[in-house]
Amino acid sequence: MDSDYSFNEHNKDEFPPAHTAEHLLNQLMVRMFGCERSRNAHIERKKSKISYILESKPDRRAERDIEQQMNELIDADMPVTFEYVDRYNLPEGIDADRLPDDVSDTIRIVRIGDYDVCPCIGKHVRSTSQIGRFEMLGTNWDESTHNFRIRYKVIAK
């Protein structure tokens, strides 16, 4: 269906399970910590890194909660669906400020059940159960910038 529309050039070849997990993790972090979605992510098949600006460093318990809640979201087997909208009539909750300046007239919106919605032209799985298991590999905290980096991988079930 994407071939019916003209989108911006896309220079990434995402690993769909890890990329879909990125969407879930972004929404989880927004809900848990009241932060923005990440603006700094490097998503790969073997290991992914994603950063958030937080008010304070999460403790070990919060880190375990992130991993546990991610696996619960994945196990919920939510459908991943797409819709196409005019860039001037974005659905409520879609932040146009994050779109590139040269964005196409048609925007693809990715929905993960009722949990997450955001514009994206990347590759995704059809349902969250196809992601596999989310494993947090580690975190880093930079006190001066309040940058919290999560390293993770997804493991096929």
N, C-alpha and C. Protein backbone atom coordinates (compact mmCIF):
# COMPACT_ATOMS: atom_id res chain seq x y z
N MET A 1 0.82 -1.19 0.00
CA MET A 1 0.00 0.00 0.00
C MET A 1 0.86 1.26 0.00
N ASP A 2 2.06 1.19 0.59
CA ASP A 2 2.93 2.37 0.62
C ASP A 2 3.28 2.84 -0.79
N SER A 3 3.28 1.94 -1.77
CA SER A 3 3.66 2.32 -3.11
C SER A 3 2.64 3.27 -3.75
N ASP A 4 1.46 3.39 -3.17
CA ASP A 4 0.45 4.31 -3.67
C ASP A 4 0.74 5.75 -3.27
N TYR A 5 1.70 5.96 -2.38
CA TYR A 5 2.00 7.28 -1.86
C TYR A 5 3.45 7.63 -2.11
N SER A 6 3.73 8.92 -2.13
CA SER A 6 5.09 9.40 -2.29
C SER A 6 5.57 9.95 -0.95
N PHE A 7 6.51 9.25 -0.34
CA PHE A 7 7.06 9.65 0.95
C PHE A 7 8.44 10.25 0.78
N ASN A 8 8.95 10.83 1.86
CA ASN A 8 10.32 11.31 1.86
C ASN A 8 11.27 10.14 1.66
N GLU A 9 12.46 10.44 1.18
CA GLU A 9 13.51 9.43 1.04
C GLU A 9 13.80 8.84 2.41
N HIS A 10 13.93 7.51 2.48
CA HIS A 10 14.20 6.84 3.76
C HIS A 10 15.52 6.10 3.62
N ASN A 11 16.51 6.48 4.43
CA ASN A 11 17.85 5.93 4.25
C ASN A 11 18.19 4.83 5.26
N LYS A 12 17.19 4.30 5.95
CA LYS A 12 17.46 3.25 6.93
C LYS A 12 16.81 1.95 6.48
N ASP A 13 17.39 0.84 6.90
CA ASP A 13 16.80 -0.47 6.67
C ASP A 13 16.65 -1.11 8.04
N GLU A 14 15.58 -0.74 8.75
CA GLU A 14 15.38 -1.17 10.11
C GLU A 14 15.16 -2.67 10.23
N PHE A 15 15.53 -3.22 11.36
CA PHE A 15 15.16 -4.57 11.75
C PHE A 15 13.79 -4.43 12.40
N PRO A 16 12.72 -4.88 11.73
CA PRO A 16 11.35 -4.59 12.19
C PRO A 16 11.06 -4.90 13.66
N PRO A 17 11.50 -6.03 14.22
CA PRO A 17 11.20 -6.26 15.65
C PRO A 17 11.82 -5.20 16.57
N ALA A 18 13.08 -4.85 16.34
CA ALA A 18 13.74 -3.85 17.19
C ALA A 18 13.15 -2.47 16.97
N HIS A 19 12.78 -2.17 15.73
CA HIS A 19 12.20 -0.86 15.44
C HIS A 19 10.82 -0.71 16.08
N THR A 20 10.01 -1.76 16.01
CA THR A 20 8.70 -1.71 16.66
C THR A 20 8.85 -1.62 18.17
N ALA A 21 9.84 -2.32 18.72
CA ALA A 21 10.13 -2.20 20.16
C ALA A 21 10.50 -0.77 20.52
N GLU A 22 11.20 -0.08 19.62
CA GLU A 22 11.55 1.32 19.85
C GLU A 22 10.28 2.16 20.05
N HIS A 23 9.26 1.93 19.24
CA HIS A 23 8.00 2.66 19.39
C HIS A 23 7.39 2.40 20.77
N LEU A 24 7.35 1.13 21.17
CA LEU A 24 6.79 0.79 22.49
C LEU A 24 7.60 1.44 23.61
N LEU A 25 8.92 1.37 23.51
CA LEU A 25 9.79 1.93 24.54
C LEU A 25 9.61 3.44 24.64
N ASN A 26 9.50 4.11 23.50
CA ASN A 26 9.26 5.55 23.53
C ASN A 26 7.99 5.88 24.32
N GLN A 27 6.91 5.21 24.02
CA GLN A 27 5.65 5.49 24.70
C GLN A 27 5.72 5.12 26.18
N LEU A 28 6.39 4.01 26.49
CA LEU A 28 6.54 3.60 27.88
C LEU A 28 7.31 4.65 28.67
N MET A 29 8.39 5.17 28.10
CA MET A 29 9.19 6.19 28.79
C MET A 29 8.38 7.48 28.98
N VAL A 30 7.61 7.86 27.98
CA VAL A 30 6.74 9.04 28.10
C VAL A 30 5.79 8.85 29.27
N ARG A 31 5.18 7.68 29.35
CA ARG A 31 4.20 7.40 30.41
C ARG A 31 4.85 7.26 31.78
N MET A 32 6.00 6.60 31.85
CA MET A 32 6.64 6.37 33.15
C MET A 32 7.32 7.62 33.70
N PHE A 33 7.95 8.41 32.82
CA PHE A 33 8.80 9.50 33.29
C PHE A 33 8.36 10.89 32.83
N GLY A 34 7.32 10.97 32.01
CA GLY A 34 6.84 12.26 31.53
C GLY A 34 7.82 12.97 30.62
N CYS A 35 8.70 12.21 29.97
CA CYS A 35 9.69 12.80 29.07
C CYS A 35 9.16 12.81 27.64
N GLU A 36 9.95 13.39 26.74
CA GLU A 36 9.64 13.34 25.31
C GLU A 36 10.09 12.00 24.74
N ARG A 37 9.55 11.66 23.57
CA ARG A 37 10.07 10.53 22.82
C ARG A 37 11.54 10.81 22.51
N SER A 38 12.31 9.78 22.33
CA SER A 38 13.73 9.93 22.06
C SER A 38 13.97 10.67 20.75
N ARG A 39 15.01 11.49 20.77
CA ARG A 39 15.48 12.13 19.54
C ARG A 39 16.85 11.57 19.14
N ASN A 40 17.29 10.53 19.88
CA ASN A 40 18.61 9.95 19.64
C ASN A 40 18.52 8.44 19.81
N ALA A 41 18.31 7.75 18.71
CA ALA A 41 18.20 6.29 18.75
C ALA A 41 19.05 5.67 17.65
N HIS A 42 19.65 4.56 17.96
CA HIS A 42 20.42 3.78 17.00
C HIS A 42 19.90 2.34 17.13
N ILE A 43 19.04 1.93 16.19
CA ILE A 43 18.34 0.67 16.30
C ILE A 43 18.95 -0.33 15.32
N GLU A 44 19.40 -1.46 15.85
CA GLU A 44 20.06 -2.49 15.04
C GLU A 44 19.54 -3.87 15.44
N ARG A 45 19.89 -4.85 14.62
CA ARG A 45 19.48 -6.24 14.87
C ARG A 45 20.12 -6.80 16.14
N LYS A 46 21.41 -6.56 16.35
CA LYS A 46 22.12 -7.18 17.47
C LYS A 46 22.02 -6.39 18.77
N LYS A 47 22.06 -5.06 18.66
CA LYS A 47 22.01 -4.22 19.87
C LYS A 47 21.52 -2.84 19.46
N SER A 48 20.62 -2.29 20.26
CA SER A 48 20.08 -0.96 19.99
C SER A 48 20.39 -0.04 21.16
N LYS A 49 20.47 1.26 20.86
CA LYS A 49 20.72 2.28 21.88
C LYS A 49 19.71 3.40 21.68
N ILE A 50 19.17 3.88 22.77
CA ILE A 50 18.18 4.94 22.70
C ILE A 50 18.31 5.81 23.95
N SER A 51 18.20 7.12 23.78
CA SER A 51 18.43 8.04 24.89
C SER A 51 17.21 8.91 25.15
N TYR A 52 17.06 9.27 26.42
CA TYR A 52 15.96 10.14 26.88
C TYR A 52 16.52 11.19 27.81
N ILE A 53 15.92 12.35 27.81
CA ILE A 53 16.26 13.40 28.77
C ILE A 53 15.27 13.28 29.93
N LEU A 54 15.80 12.99 31.12
CA LEU A 54 14.97 12.78 32.31
C LEU A 54 15.37 13.75 33.41
N GLU A 55 14.48 13.98 34.34
CA GLU A 55 14.78 14.87 35.46
C GLU A 55 15.80 14.26 36.42
N SER A 56 15.73 12.94 36.59
CA SER A 56 16.68 12.28 37.48
C SER A 56 16.94 10.87 36.98
N LYS A 57 18.02 10.29 37.48
CA LYS A 57 18.42 8.95 37.06
C LYS A 57 17.45 7.92 37.63
N PRO A 58 16.89 7.06 36.79
CA PRO A 58 16.05 5.98 37.30
C PRO A 58 16.87 5.00 38.14
N ASP A 59 16.27 4.49 39.20
CA ASP A 59 16.97 3.51 40.03
C ASP A 59 16.85 2.12 39.40
N ARG A 60 17.53 1.15 39.98
CA ARG A 60 17.53 -0.22 39.44
C ARG A 60 16.12 -0.80 39.37
N ARG A 61 15.30 -0.48 40.33
CA ARG A 61 13.92 -0.98 40.33
C ARG A 61 13.16 -0.45 39.11
N ALA A 62 13.32 0.84 38.81
CA ALA A 62 12.67 1.42 37.64
C ALA A 62 13.20 0.78 36.36
N GLU A 63 14.49 0.48 36.31
CA GLU A 63 15.05 -0.18 35.14
C GLU A 63 14.44 -1.57 34.96
N ARG A 64 14.28 -2.31 36.05
CA ARG A 64 13.65 -3.63 35.97
C ARG A 64 12.18 -3.49 35.53
N ASP A 65 11.51 -2.43 36.01
CA ASP A 65 10.12 -2.18 35.61
C ASP A 65 10.01 -1.89 34.11
N ILE A 66 10.96 -1.16 33.58
CA ILE A 66 10.96 -0.88 32.14
C ILE A 66 11.01 -2.19 31.37
N GLU A 67 11.96 -3.04 31.73
CA GLU A 67 12.10 -4.32 31.03
C GLU A 67 10.85 -5.18 31.19
N GLN A 68 10.30 -5.25 32.39
CA GLN A 68 9.11 -6.07 32.64
C GLN A 68 7.91 -5.54 31.86
N GLN A 69 7.70 -4.23 31.91
CA GLN A 69 6.56 -3.66 31.20
C GLN A 69 6.71 -3.79 29.69
N MET A 70 7.92 -3.68 29.18
CA MET A 70 8.12 -3.88 27.74
C MET A 70 7.71 -5.29 27.33
N ASN A 71 8.09 -6.29 28.12
CA ASN A 71 7.73 -7.66 27.78
C ASN A 71 6.24 -7.91 27.93
N GLU A 72 5.59 -7.23 28.87
CA GLU A 72 4.13 -7.33 28.98
C GLU A 72 3.45 -6.71 27.76
N LEU A 73 3.96 -5.58 27.30
CA LEU A 73 3.40 -4.94 26.10
C LEU A 73 3.58 -5.84 24.88
N ILE A 74 4.74 -6.43 24.76
CA ILE A 74 5.00 -7.34 23.63
C ILE A 74 4.06 -8.54 23.70
N ASP A 75 3.91 -9.13 24.88
CA ASP A 75 3.05 -10.30 25.05
C ASP A 75 1.57 -9.98 24.83
N ALA A 76 1.20 -8.71 24.92
CA ALA A 76 -0.20 -8.31 24.72
C ALA A 76 -0.65 -8.53 23.27
N ASP A 77 0.28 -8.80 22.38
CA ASP A 77 -0.01 -9.11 20.98
C ASP A 77 -0.89 -8.03 20.32
N MET A 78 -0.49 -6.77 20.52
CA MET A 78 -1.25 -5.66 19.93
C MET A 78 -0.96 -5.58 18.43
N PRO A 79 -1.98 -5.28 17.63
CA PRO A 79 -1.76 -5.13 16.19
C PRO A 79 -0.99 -3.85 15.89
N VAL A 80 -0.16 -3.92 14.86
CA VAL A 80 0.56 -2.74 14.36
C VAL A 80 -0.10 -2.39 13.02
N THR A 81 -0.72 -1.22 12.98
CA THR A 81 -1.46 -0.82 11.79
C THR A 81 -0.97 0.53 11.28
N PHE A 82 -1.34 0.85 10.06
CA PHE A 82 -0.92 2.09 9.41
C PHE A 82 -2.14 2.82 8.88
N GLU A 83 -2.05 4.13 8.87
CA GLU A 83 -3.05 4.94 8.18
C GLU A 83 -2.31 6.08 7.50
N TYR A 84 -2.92 6.65 6.51
CA TYR A 84 -2.30 7.69 5.71
C TYR A 84 -3.14 8.95 5.85
N VAL A 85 -2.47 10.05 6.22
CA VAL A 85 -3.18 11.30 6.47
C VAL A 85 -2.47 12.46 5.78
N ASP A 86 -3.21 13.50 5.56
CA ASP A 86 -2.67 14.73 4.99
C ASP A 86 -1.84 15.43 6.06
N ARG A 87 -0.69 15.93 5.68
CA ARG A 87 0.22 16.57 6.65
C ARG A 87 -0.40 17.76 7.36
N TYR A 88 -1.43 18.35 6.78
CA TYR A 88 -2.08 19.51 7.40
C TYR A 88 -3.28 19.12 8.25
N ASN A 89 -3.58 17.84 8.30
CA ASN A 89 -4.70 17.34 9.11
C ASN A 89 -4.26 16.14 9.93
N LEU A 90 -3.23 16.33 10.73
CA LEU A 90 -2.69 15.24 11.54
C LEU A 90 -3.65 14.91 12.69
N PRO A 91 -3.75 13.63 13.05
CA PRO A 91 -4.59 13.25 14.19
C PRO A 91 -4.10 13.91 15.48
N GLU A 92 -5.01 14.05 16.42
CA GLU A 92 -4.67 14.63 17.72
C GLU A 92 -3.55 13.82 18.37
N GLY A 93 -2.60 14.51 18.95
CA GLY A 93 -1.49 13.86 19.63
C GLY A 93 -0.26 13.67 18.76
N ILE A 94 -0.35 13.95 17.47
CA ILE A 94 0.82 13.84 16.59
C ILE A 94 1.52 15.18 16.57
N ASP A 95 2.79 15.19 16.94
CA ASP A 95 3.57 16.41 17.04
C ASP A 95 4.22 16.73 15.69
N ALA A 96 3.68 17.71 14.98
CA ALA A 96 4.21 18.10 13.66
C ALA A 96 5.61 18.70 13.77
N ASP A 97 6.01 19.19 14.94
CA ASP A 97 7.34 19.78 15.12
C ASP A 97 8.46 18.76 14.91
N ARG A 98 8.15 17.50 15.04
CA ARG A 98 9.17 16.46 14.90
C ARG A 98 9.31 15.96 13.47
N LEU A 99 8.45 16.43 12.58
CA LEU A 99 8.53 16.02 11.19
C LEU A 99 9.62 16.81 10.48
N PRO A 100 10.28 16.23 9.48
CA PRO A 100 11.31 16.98 8.75
C PRO A 100 10.71 18.17 8.00
N ASP A 101 11.52 19.17 7.76
CA ASP A 101 11.06 20.38 7.06
C ASP A 101 10.50 20.06 5.67
N ASP A 102 11.09 19.08 5.00
CA ASP A 102 10.65 18.75 3.64
C ASP A 102 9.70 17.54 3.61
N VAL A 103 8.91 17.38 4.66
CA VAL A 103 8.02 16.23 4.76
C VAL A 103 7.03 16.19 3.58
N SER A 104 6.70 14.98 3.16
CA SER A 104 5.76 14.79 2.05
C SER A 104 4.36 15.24 2.46
N ASP A 105 3.48 15.41 1.47
CA ASP A 105 2.10 15.83 1.75
C ASP A 105 1.31 14.75 2.46
N THR A 106 1.66 13.49 2.22
CA THR A 106 0.98 12.37 2.88
C THR A 106 1.91 11.81 3.95
N ILE A 107 1.37 11.64 5.13
CA ILE A 107 2.12 11.12 6.28
C ILE A 107 1.59 9.74 6.63
N ARG A 108 2.50 8.78 6.86
CA ARG A 108 2.07 7.47 7.33
C ARG A 108 2.11 7.47 8.86
N ILE A 109 0.98 7.15 9.45
CA ILE A 109 0.85 7.06 10.90
C ILE A 109 0.88 5.59 11.29
N VAL A 110 1.72 5.24 12.26
CA VAL A 110 1.83 3.88 12.76
C VAL A 110 1.14 3.82 14.11
N ARG A 111 0.21 2.87 14.26
CA ARG A 111 -0.50 2.66 15.52
C ARG A 111 -0.15 1.28 16.05
N ILE A 112 0.12 1.23 17.35
CA ILE A 112 0.33 -0.06 18.02
C ILE A 112 -0.81 -0.20 19.01
N GLY A 113 -1.82 -0.97 18.60
CA GLY A 113 -3.03 -1.10 19.40
C GLY A 113 -3.55 0.28 19.76
N ASP A 114 -3.99 0.43 21.00
CA ASP A 114 -4.39 1.74 21.53
C ASP A 114 -3.26 2.35 22.35
N TYR A 115 -2.07 1.76 22.27
CA TYR A 115 -0.97 2.17 23.15
C TYR A 115 -0.13 3.30 22.57
N ASP A 116 0.20 3.23 21.29
CA ASP A 116 1.11 4.23 20.72
C ASP A 116 0.66 4.61 19.32
N VAL A 117 0.92 5.86 18.98
CA VAL A 117 0.67 6.35 17.63
C VAL A 117 1.73 7.40 17.31
N CYS A 118 2.36 7.28 16.13
CA CYS A 118 3.32 8.29 15.71
C CYS A 118 3.60 8.15 14.22
N PRO A 119 4.04 9.24 13.59
CA PRO A 119 4.39 9.16 12.17
C PRO A 119 5.69 8.38 12.00
N CYS A 120 5.73 7.53 10.98
CA CYS A 120 6.93 6.73 10.75
C CYS A 120 6.84 6.08 9.38
N ILE A 121 7.94 6.05 8.65
CA ILE A 121 7.95 5.36 7.36
C ILE A 121 8.82 4.10 7.40
N GLY A 122 9.24 3.71 8.61
CA GLY A 122 10.10 2.53 8.76
C GLY A 122 9.34 1.22 8.69
N LYS A 123 10.10 0.14 8.82
CA LYS A 123 9.55 -1.22 8.78
C LYS A 123 9.15 -1.66 10.19
N HIS A 124 8.02 -2.38 10.27
CA HIS A 124 7.48 -2.84 11.54
C HIS A 124 6.97 -4.27 11.42
N VAL A 125 6.83 -4.93 12.55
CA VAL A 125 6.17 -6.24 12.59
C VAL A 125 4.66 -6.02 12.50
N ARG A 126 3.89 -7.08 12.29
CA ARG A 126 2.43 -6.96 12.18
C ARG A 126 1.73 -6.93 13.54
N SER A 127 2.36 -7.54 14.55
CA SER A 127 1.81 -7.49 15.90
C SER A 127 2.96 -7.59 16.90
N THR A 128 2.73 -7.08 18.09
CA THR A 128 3.83 -6.98 19.05
C THR A 128 4.40 -8.33 19.45
N SER A 129 3.60 -9.39 19.39
CA SER A 129 4.14 -10.71 19.78
C SER A 129 5.25 -11.16 18.83
N GLN A 130 5.36 -10.57 17.66
CA GLN A 130 6.43 -10.92 16.73
C GLN A 130 7.77 -10.27 17.09
N ILE A 131 7.76 -9.39 18.07
CA ILE A 131 9.00 -8.73 18.48
C ILE A 131 9.94 -9.73 19.14
N GLY A 132 9.41 -10.61 19.95
CA GLY A 132 10.23 -11.52 20.73
C GLY A 132 10.34 -11.00 22.15
N ARG A 133 11.43 -11.31 22.82
CA ARG A 133 11.63 -10.87 24.20
C ARG A 133 12.55 -9.64 24.21
N PHE A 134 12.18 -8.65 25.02
CA PHE A 134 12.97 -7.43 25.18
C PHE A 134 13.96 -7.66 26.32
N GLU A 135 15.23 -7.45 26.05
CA GLU A 135 16.25 -7.61 27.09
C GLU A 135 17.06 -6.33 27.20
N MET A 136 17.02 -5.73 28.38
CA MET A 136 17.82 -4.53 28.62
C MET A 136 19.26 -4.98 28.90
N LEU A 137 20.19 -4.47 28.12
CA LEU A 137 21.60 -4.85 28.25
C LEU A 137 22.33 -3.97 29.25
N GLY A 138 21.84 -2.74 29.44
CA GLY A 138 22.48 -1.84 30.37
C GLY A 138 21.99 -0.42 30.14
N THR A 139 22.41 0.45 31.05
CA THR A 139 22.04 1.86 30.95
C THR A 139 23.24 2.73 31.31
N ASN A 140 23.18 3.97 30.88
CA ASN A 140 24.17 4.97 31.27
C ASN A 140 23.43 6.25 31.63
N TRP A 141 23.98 6.98 32.58
CA TRP A 141 23.40 8.25 33.01
C TRP A 141 24.47 9.32 32.93
N ASP A 142 24.13 10.43 32.29
CA ASP A 142 25.02 11.58 32.24
C ASP A 142 24.37 12.68 33.07
N GLU A 143 24.90 12.92 34.24
CA GLU A 143 24.31 13.89 35.19
C GLU A 143 24.28 15.30 34.62
N SER A 144 25.30 15.67 33.87
CA SER A 144 25.36 17.05 33.38
C SER A 144 24.28 17.36 32.34
N THR A 145 23.91 16.36 31.55
CA THR A 145 22.89 16.59 30.52
C THR A 145 21.55 15.93 30.84
N HIS A 146 21.53 15.15 31.92
CA HIS A 146 20.34 14.37 32.30
C HIS A 146 19.93 13.40 31.20
N ASN A 147 20.93 12.90 30.51
CA ASN A 147 20.71 11.95 29.42
C ASN A 147 20.76 10.52 29.96
N PHE A 148 19.67 9.79 29.76
CA PHE A 148 19.57 8.40 30.19
C PHE A 148 19.55 7.53 28.94
N ARG A 149 20.60 6.73 28.76
CA ARG A 149 20.72 5.88 27.59
C ARG A 149 20.41 4.44 27.97
N ILE A 150 19.58 3.80 27.16
CA ILE A 150 19.23 2.39 27.34
C ILE A 150 19.82 1.61 26.18
N ARG A 151 20.50 0.52 26.50
CA ARG A 151 20.97 -0.42 25.48
C ARG A 151 20.10 -1.67 25.62
N TYR A 152 19.57 -2.14 24.48
CA TYR A 152 18.70 -3.31 24.53
C TYR A 152 18.84 -4.16 23.27
N LYS A 153 18.31 -5.36 23.35
CA LYS A 153 18.17 -6.19 22.18
C LYS A 153 16.84 -6.92 22.28
N VAL A 154 16.37 -7.38 21.14
CA VAL A 154 15.19 -8.22 21.13
C VAL A 154 15.62 -9.60 20.70
N ILE A 155 15.05 -10.60 21.35
CA ILE A 155 15.44 -11.99 21.13
C ILE A 155 14.22 -12.76 20.64
N ALA A 156 14.34 -13.41 19.50
CA ALA A 156 13.22 -14.17 18.94
C ALA A 156 12.81 -15.26 19.93
N LYS A 157 11.51 -15.46 20.02
CA LYS A 157 10.99 -16.50 20.93
C LYS A 157 11.01 -17.85 20.27
